[in-house]
Amino acid sequence: MPARLAKLRFPKALDDRLHHLLDEQGRRGRLTAAERKEAEALTQMASMLSILKLGAQVKARKA
């Protein structure tokens, strides 16, 4: 896996914010429309980062 890609991490501030939103959803039972859009965007970003890293791992194993 390329070293730069291996070092990529979801920023702590964004991870903390996503966890806060998910905690709020659990506590209140729902999020506002704006909070839901924010949580969805953060989840998509985290998923894309995971997919990129997984793809790099697969490519490195084949090399």
PDB file of N, CA and C in Angstrom:
ATOM      1  N   MET A   1       0.851  -1.170   0.000  1.00  0.00           N
ATOM      2  CA  MET A   1       0.000   0.000   0.000  1.00  0.00           C
ATOM      3  C   MET A   1       0.896   1.232   0.000  1.00  0.00           C
ATOM      4  N   PRO A   2       0.617   2.206  -0.840  1.00  0.00           N
ATOM      5  CA  PRO A   2       1.434   3.411  -0.813  1.00  0.00           C
ATOM      6  C   PRO A   2       1.440   4.027   0.583  1.00  0.00           C
ATOM      7  N   ALA A   3       2.618   4.443   1.018  1.00  0.00           N
ATOM      8  CA  ALA A   3       2.773   4.947   2.384  1.00  0.00           C
ATOM      9  C   ALA A   3       1.845   6.125   2.672  1.00  0.00           C
ATOM     10  N   ARG A   4       1.701   7.014   1.705  1.00  0.00           N
ATOM     11  CA  ARG A   4       0.836   8.184   1.937  1.00  0.00           C
ATOM     12  C   ARG A   4      -0.611   7.774   2.166  1.00  0.00           C
ATOM     13  N   LEU A   5      -1.068   6.803   1.422  1.00  0.00           N
ATOM     14  CA  LEU A   5      -2.443   6.347   1.574  1.00  0.00           C
ATOM     15  C   LEU A   5      -2.624   5.622   2.898  1.00  0.00           C
ATOM     16  N   ALA A   6      -1.626   4.870   3.298  1.00  0.00           N
ATOM     17  CA  ALA A   6      -1.711   4.139   4.557  1.00  0.00           C
ATOM     18  C   ALA A   6      -1.839   5.078   5.748  1.00  0.00           C
ATOM     19  N   LYS A   7      -1.292   6.280   5.612  1.00  0.00           N
ATOM     20  CA  LYS A   7      -1.317   7.240   6.717  1.00  0.00           C
ATOM     21  C   LYS A   7      -2.595   8.067   6.771  1.00  0.00           C
ATOM     22  N   LEU A   8      -3.411   7.978   5.741  1.00  0.00           N
ATOM     23  CA  LEU A   8      -4.649   8.754   5.740  1.00  0.00           C
ATOM     24  C   LEU A   8      -5.567   8.289   6.860  1.00  0.00           C
ATOM     25  N   ARG A   9      -6.099   9.241   7.564  1.00  0.00           N
ATOM     26  CA  ARG A   9      -7.040   8.950   8.647  1.00  0.00           C
ATOM     27  C   ARG A   9      -8.203   9.925   8.542  1.00  0.00           C
ATOM     28  N   PHE A  10      -9.361   9.477   8.937  1.00  0.00           N
ATOM     29  CA  PHE A  10     -10.505  10.370   9.032  1.00  0.00           C
ATOM     30  C   PHE A  10     -10.181  11.347  10.158  1.00  0.00           C
ATOM     31  N   PRO A  11     -10.210  12.644   9.902  1.00  0.00           N
ATOM     32  CA  PRO A  11      -9.817  13.608  10.934  1.00  0.00           C
ATOM     33  C   PRO A  11     -10.614  13.436  12.226  1.00  0.00           C
ATOM     34  N   LYS A  12      -9.918  13.545  13.343  1.00  0.00           N
ATOM     35  CA  LYS A  12     -10.536  13.329  14.651  1.00  0.00           C
ATOM     36  C   LYS A  12     -11.734  14.249  14.870  1.00  0.00           C
ATOM     37  N   ALA A  13     -11.621  15.503  14.477  1.00  0.00           N
ATOM     38  CA  ALA A  13     -12.734  16.440  14.670  1.00  0.00           C
ATOM     39  C   ALA A  13     -13.978  15.978  13.914  1.00  0.00           C
ATOM     40  N   LEU A  14     -13.793  15.456  12.704  1.00  0.00           N
ATOM     41  CA  LEU A  14     -14.938  14.963  11.931  1.00  0.00           C
ATOM     42  C   LEU A  14     -15.489  13.677  12.525  1.00  0.00           C
ATOM     43  N   ASP A  15     -14.603  12.811  12.989  1.00  0.00           N
ATOM     44  CA  ASP A  15     -15.033  11.575  13.638  1.00  0.00           C
ATOM     45  C   ASP A  15     -15.818  11.893  14.912  1.00  0.00           C
ATOM     46  N   ASP A  16     -15.310  12.842  15.694  1.00  0.00           N
ATOM     47  CA  ASP A  16     -16.010  13.252  16.917  1.00  0.00           C
ATOM     48  C   ASP A  16     -17.386  13.820  16.588  1.00  0.00           C
ATOM     49  N   ARG A  17     -17.454  14.632  15.543  1.00  0.00           N
ATOM     50  CA  ARG A  17     -18.735  15.230  15.155  1.00  0.00           C
ATOM     51  C   ARG A  17     -19.725  14.159  14.716  1.00  0.00           C
ATOM     52  N   LEU A  18     -19.271  13.195  13.938  1.00  0.00           N
ATOM     53  CA  LEU A  18     -20.153  12.118  13.505  1.00  0.00           C
ATOM     54  C   LEU A  18     -20.665  11.330  14.705  1.00  0.00           C
ATOM     55  N   HIS A  19     -19.780  11.014  15.632  1.00  0.00           N
ATOM     56  CA  HIS A  19     -20.214  10.286  16.826  1.00  0.00           C
ATOM     57  C   HIS A  19     -21.213  11.103  17.644  1.00  0.00           C
ATOM     58  N   HIS A  20     -20.991  12.405  17.726  1.00  0.00           N
ATOM     59  CA  HIS A  20     -21.935  13.269  18.439  1.00  0.00           C
ATOM     60  C   HIS A  20     -23.315  13.212  17.779  1.00  0.00           C
ATOM     61  N   LEU A  21     -23.339  13.319  16.466  1.00  0.00           N
ATOM     62  CA  LEU A  21     -24.616  13.269  15.753  1.00  0.00           C
ATOM     63  C   LEU A  21     -25.311  11.927  15.948  1.00  0.00           C
ATOM     64  N   LEU A  22     -24.553  10.849  15.890  1.00  0.00           N
ATOM     65  CA  LEU A  22     -25.154   9.525  16.085  1.00  0.00           C
ATOM     66  C   LEU A  22     -25.654   9.349  17.516  1.00  0.00           C
ATOM     67  N   ASP A  23     -24.921   9.896  18.475  1.00  0.00           N
ATOM     68  CA  ASP A  23     -25.380   9.861  19.868  1.00  0.00           C
ATOM     69  C   ASP A  23     -26.679  10.650  20.029  1.00  0.00           C
ATOM     70  N   GLU A  24     -26.735  11.813  19.382  1.00  0.00           N
ATOM     71  CA  GLU A  24     -27.954  12.631  19.433  1.00  0.00           C
ATOM     72  C   GLU A  24     -29.138  11.879  18.836  1.00  0.00           C
ATOM     73  N   GLN A  25     -28.897  11.200  17.733  1.00  0.00           N
ATOM     74  CA  GLN A  25     -29.967  10.430  17.106  1.00  0.00           C
ATOM     75  C   GLN A  25     -30.455   9.347  18.058  1.00  0.00           C
ATOM     76  N   GLY A  26     -29.522   8.688  18.727  1.00  0.00           N
ATOM     77  CA  GLY A  26     -29.912   7.652  19.674  1.00  0.00           C
ATOM     78  C   GLY A  26     -30.653   8.210  20.878  1.00  0.00           C
ATOM     79  N   ARG A  27     -30.213   9.375  21.335  1.00  0.00           N
ATOM     80  CA  ARG A  27     -30.810   9.971  22.528  1.00  0.00           C
ATOM     81  C   ARG A  27     -32.180  10.576  22.223  1.00  0.00           C
ATOM     82  N   ARG A  28     -32.268  11.324  21.128  1.00  0.00           N
ATOM     83  CA  ARG A  28     -33.518  12.013  20.783  1.00  0.00           C
ATOM     84  C   ARG A  28     -34.433  11.170  19.906  1.00  0.00           C
ATOM     85  N   GLY A  29     -33.861  10.151  19.288  1.00  0.00           N
ATOM     86  CA  GLY A  29     -34.663   9.321  18.393  1.00  0.00           C
ATOM     87  C   GLY A  29     -34.687   9.815  16.961  1.00  0.00           C
ATOM     88  N   ARG A  30     -34.133  11.004  16.726  1.00  0.00           N
ATOM     89  CA  ARG A  30     -34.079  11.535  15.367  1.00  0.00           C
ATOM     90  C   ARG A  30     -33.126  12.714  15.322  1.00  0.00           C
ATOM     91  N   LEU A  31     -32.781  13.105  14.102  1.00  0.00           N
ATOM     92  CA  LEU A  31     -31.956  14.282  13.861  1.00  0.00           C
ATOM     93  C   LEU A  31     -32.762  15.291  13.061  1.00  0.00           C
ATOM     94  N   THR A  32     -32.350  16.551  13.134  1.00  0.00           N
ATOM     95  CA  THR A  32     -32.964  17.545  12.256  1.00  0.00           C
ATOM     96  C   THR A  32     -32.531  17.229  10.826  1.00  0.00           C
ATOM     97  N   ALA A  33     -33.194  17.844   9.870  1.00  0.00           N
ATOM     98  CA  ALA A  33     -32.832  17.610   8.468  1.00  0.00           C
ATOM     99  C   ALA A  33     -31.381  18.006   8.212  1.00  0.00           C
ATOM    100  N   ALA A  34     -30.948  19.124   8.774  1.00  0.00           N
ATOM    101  CA  ALA A  34     -29.560  19.576   8.581  1.00  0.00           C
ATOM    102  C   ALA A  34     -28.576  18.610   9.235  1.00  0.00           C
ATOM    103  N   GLU A  35     -28.905  18.140  10.429  1.00  0.00           N
ATOM    104  CA  GLU A  35     -28.029  17.185  11.115  1.00  0.00           C
ATOM    105  C   GLU A  35     -27.949  15.875  10.344  1.00  0.00           C
ATOM    106  N   ARG A  36     -29.072  15.438   9.806  1.00  0.00           N
ATOM    107  CA  ARG A  36     -29.101  14.188   9.039  1.00  0.00           C
ATOM    108  C   ARG A  36     -28.233  14.307   7.787  1.00  0.00           C
ATOM    109  N   LYS A  37     -28.334  15.436   7.088  1.00  0.00           N
ATOM    110  CA  LYS A  37     -27.501  15.648   5.899  1.00  0.00           C
ATOM    111  C   LYS A  37     -26.023  15.664   6.272  1.00  0.00           C
ATOM    112  N   GLU A  38     -25.704  16.302   7.384  1.00  0.00           N
ATOM    113  CA  GLU A  38     -24.314  16.353   7.835  1.00  0.00           C
ATOM    114  C   GLU A  38     -23.808  14.955   8.185  1.00  0.00           C
ATOM    115  N   ALA A  39     -24.610  14.190   8.915  1.00  0.00           N
ATOM    116  CA  ALA A  39     -24.218  12.832   9.295  1.00  0.00           C
ATOM    117  C   ALA A  39     -24.040  11.953   8.057  1.00  0.00           C
ATOM    118  N   GLU A  40     -24.928  12.091   7.088  1.00  0.00           N
ATOM    119  CA  GLU A  40     -24.811  11.307   5.853  1.00  0.00           C
ATOM    120  C   GLU A  40     -23.535  11.666   5.103  1.00  0.00           C
ATOM    121  N   ALA A  41     -23.217  12.956   5.026  1.00  0.00           N
ATOM    122  CA  ALA A  41     -22.007  13.391   4.322  1.00  0.00           C
ATOM    123  C   ALA A  41     -20.756  12.871   5.024  1.00  0.00           C
ATOM    124  N   LEU A  42     -20.735  12.946   6.341  1.00  0.00           N
ATOM    125  CA  LEU A  42     -19.576  12.450   7.092  1.00  0.00           C
ATOM    126  C   LEU A  42     -19.427  10.941   6.931  1.00  0.00           C
ATOM    127  N   THR A  43     -20.543  10.232   6.938  1.00  0.00           N
ATOM    128  CA  THR A  43     -20.510   8.783   6.756  1.00  0.00           C
ATOM    129  C   THR A  43     -19.991   8.428   5.367  1.00  0.00           C
ATOM    130  N   GLN A  44     -20.423   9.166   4.359  1.00  0.00           N
ATOM    131  CA  GLN A  44     -19.943   8.921   2.995  1.00  0.00           C
ATOM    132  C   GLN A  44     -18.446   9.184   2.885  1.00  0.00           C
ATOM    133  N   MET A  45     -17.971  10.244   3.519  1.00  0.00           N
ATOM    134  CA  MET A  45     -16.538  10.549   3.494  1.00  0.00           C
ATOM    135  C   MET A  45     -15.733   9.431   4.146  1.00  0.00           C
ATOM    136  N   ALA A  46     -16.190   8.959   5.296  1.00  0.00           N
ATOM    137  CA  ALA A  46     -15.487   7.882   5.993  1.00  0.00           C
ATOM    138  C   ALA A  46     -15.498   6.606   5.153  1.00  0.00           C
ATOM    139  N   SER A  47     -16.614   6.326   4.512  1.00  0.00           N
ATOM    140  CA  SER A  47     -16.717   5.135   3.666  1.00  0.00           C
ATOM    141  C   SER A  47     -15.790   5.229   2.464  1.00  0.00           C
ATOM    142  N   MET A  48     -15.729   6.399   1.835  1.00  0.00           N
ATOM    143  CA  MET A  48     -14.849   6.572   0.677  1.00  0.00           C
ATOM    144  C   MET A  48     -13.391   6.390   1.074  1.00  0.00           C
ATOM    145  N   LEU A  49     -13.009   6.900   2.220  1.00  0.00           N
ATOM    146  CA  LEU A  49     -11.639   6.728   2.693  1.00  0.00           C
ATOM    147  C   LEU A  49     -11.339   5.248   2.912  1.00  0.00           C
ATOM    148  N   SER A  50     -12.267   4.525   3.509  1.00  0.00           N
ATOM    149  CA  SER A  50     -12.077   3.089   3.735  1.00  0.00           C
ATOM    150  C   SER A  50     -11.940   2.332   2.419  1.00  0.00           C
ATOM    151  N   ILE A  51     -12.752   2.685   1.440  1.00  0.00           N
ATOM    152  CA  ILE A  51     -12.694   2.021   0.134  1.00  0.00           C
ATOM    153  C   ILE A  51     -11.363   2.301  -0.552  1.00  0.00           C
ATOM    154  N   LEU A  52     -10.895   3.539  -0.493  1.00  0.00           N
ATOM    155  CA  LEU A  52      -9.596   3.880  -1.081  1.00  0.00           C
ATOM    156  C   LEU A  52      -8.471   3.074  -0.445  1.00  0.00           C
ATOM    157  N   LYS A  53      -8.492   2.988   0.874  1.00  0.00           N
ATOM    158  CA  LYS A  53      -7.439   2.249   1.574  1.00  0.00           C
ATOM    159  C   LYS A  53      -7.508   0.759   1.254  1.00  0.00           C
ATOM    160  N   LEU A  54      -8.711   0.206   1.191  1.00  0.00           N
ATOM    161  CA  LEU A  54      -8.867  -1.205   0.861  1.00  0.00           C
ATOM    162  C   LEU A  54      -8.384  -1.483  -0.556  1.00  0.00           C
ATOM    163  N   GLY A  55      -8.731  -0.605  -1.487  1.00  0.00           N
ATOM    164  CA  GLY A  55      -8.268  -0.769  -2.861  1.00  0.00           C
ATOM    165  C   GLY A  55      -6.753  -0.747  -2.955  1.00  0.00           C
ATOM    166  N   ALA A  56      -6.126   0.131  -2.194  1.00  0.00           N
ATOM    167  CA  ALA A  56      -4.663   0.207  -2.188  1.00  0.00           C
ATOM    168  C   ALA A  56      -4.057  -1.063  -1.599  1.00  0.00           C
ATOM    169  N   GLN A  57      -4.693  -1.612  -0.569  1.00  0.00           N
ATOM    170  CA  GLN A  57      -4.198  -2.860   0.029  1.00  0.00           C
ATOM    171  C   GLN A  57      -4.278  -4.000  -0.972  1.00  0.00           C
ATOM    172  N   VAL A  58      -5.387  -4.104  -1.676  1.00  0.00           N
ATOM    173  CA  VAL A  58      -5.560  -5.165  -2.675  1.00  0.00           C
ATOM    174  C   VAL A  58      -4.519  -5.011  -3.775  1.00  0.00           C
ATOM    175  N   LYS A  59      -4.330  -3.796  -4.247  1.00  0.00           N
ATOM    176  CA  LYS A  59      -3.349  -3.542  -5.301  1.00  0.00           C
ATOM    177  C   LYS A  59      -1.940  -3.894  -4.830  1.00  0.00           C
ATOM    178  N   ALA A  60      -1.618  -3.568  -3.593  1.00  0.00           N
ATOM    179  CA  ALA A  60      -0.286  -3.866  -3.055  1.00  0.00           C
ATOM    180  C   ALA A  60      -0.060  -5.376  -2.948  1.00  0.00           C
ATOM    181  N   ARG A  61      -1.093  -6.117  -2.610  1.00  0.00           N
ATOM    182  CA  ARG A  61      -0.954  -7.580  -2.496  1.00  0.00           C
ATOM    183  C   ARG A  61      -0.732  -8.236  -3.853  1.00  0.00           C
ATOM    184  N   LYS A  62      -1.325  -7.647  -4.887  1.00  0.00           N
ATOM    185  CA  LYS A  62      -1.177  -8.203  -6.230  1.00  0.00           C
ATOM    186  C   LYS A  62       0.182  -7.874  -6.835  1.00  0.00           C
ATOM    187  N   ALA A  63       0.822  -6.848  -6.307  1.00  0.00           N
ATOM    188  CA  ALA A  63       2.121  -6.411  -6.863  1.00  0.00           C
ATOM    189  C   ALA A  63       3.252  -7.323  -6.442  1.00  0.00           C
TER     190      ALA A  63
END
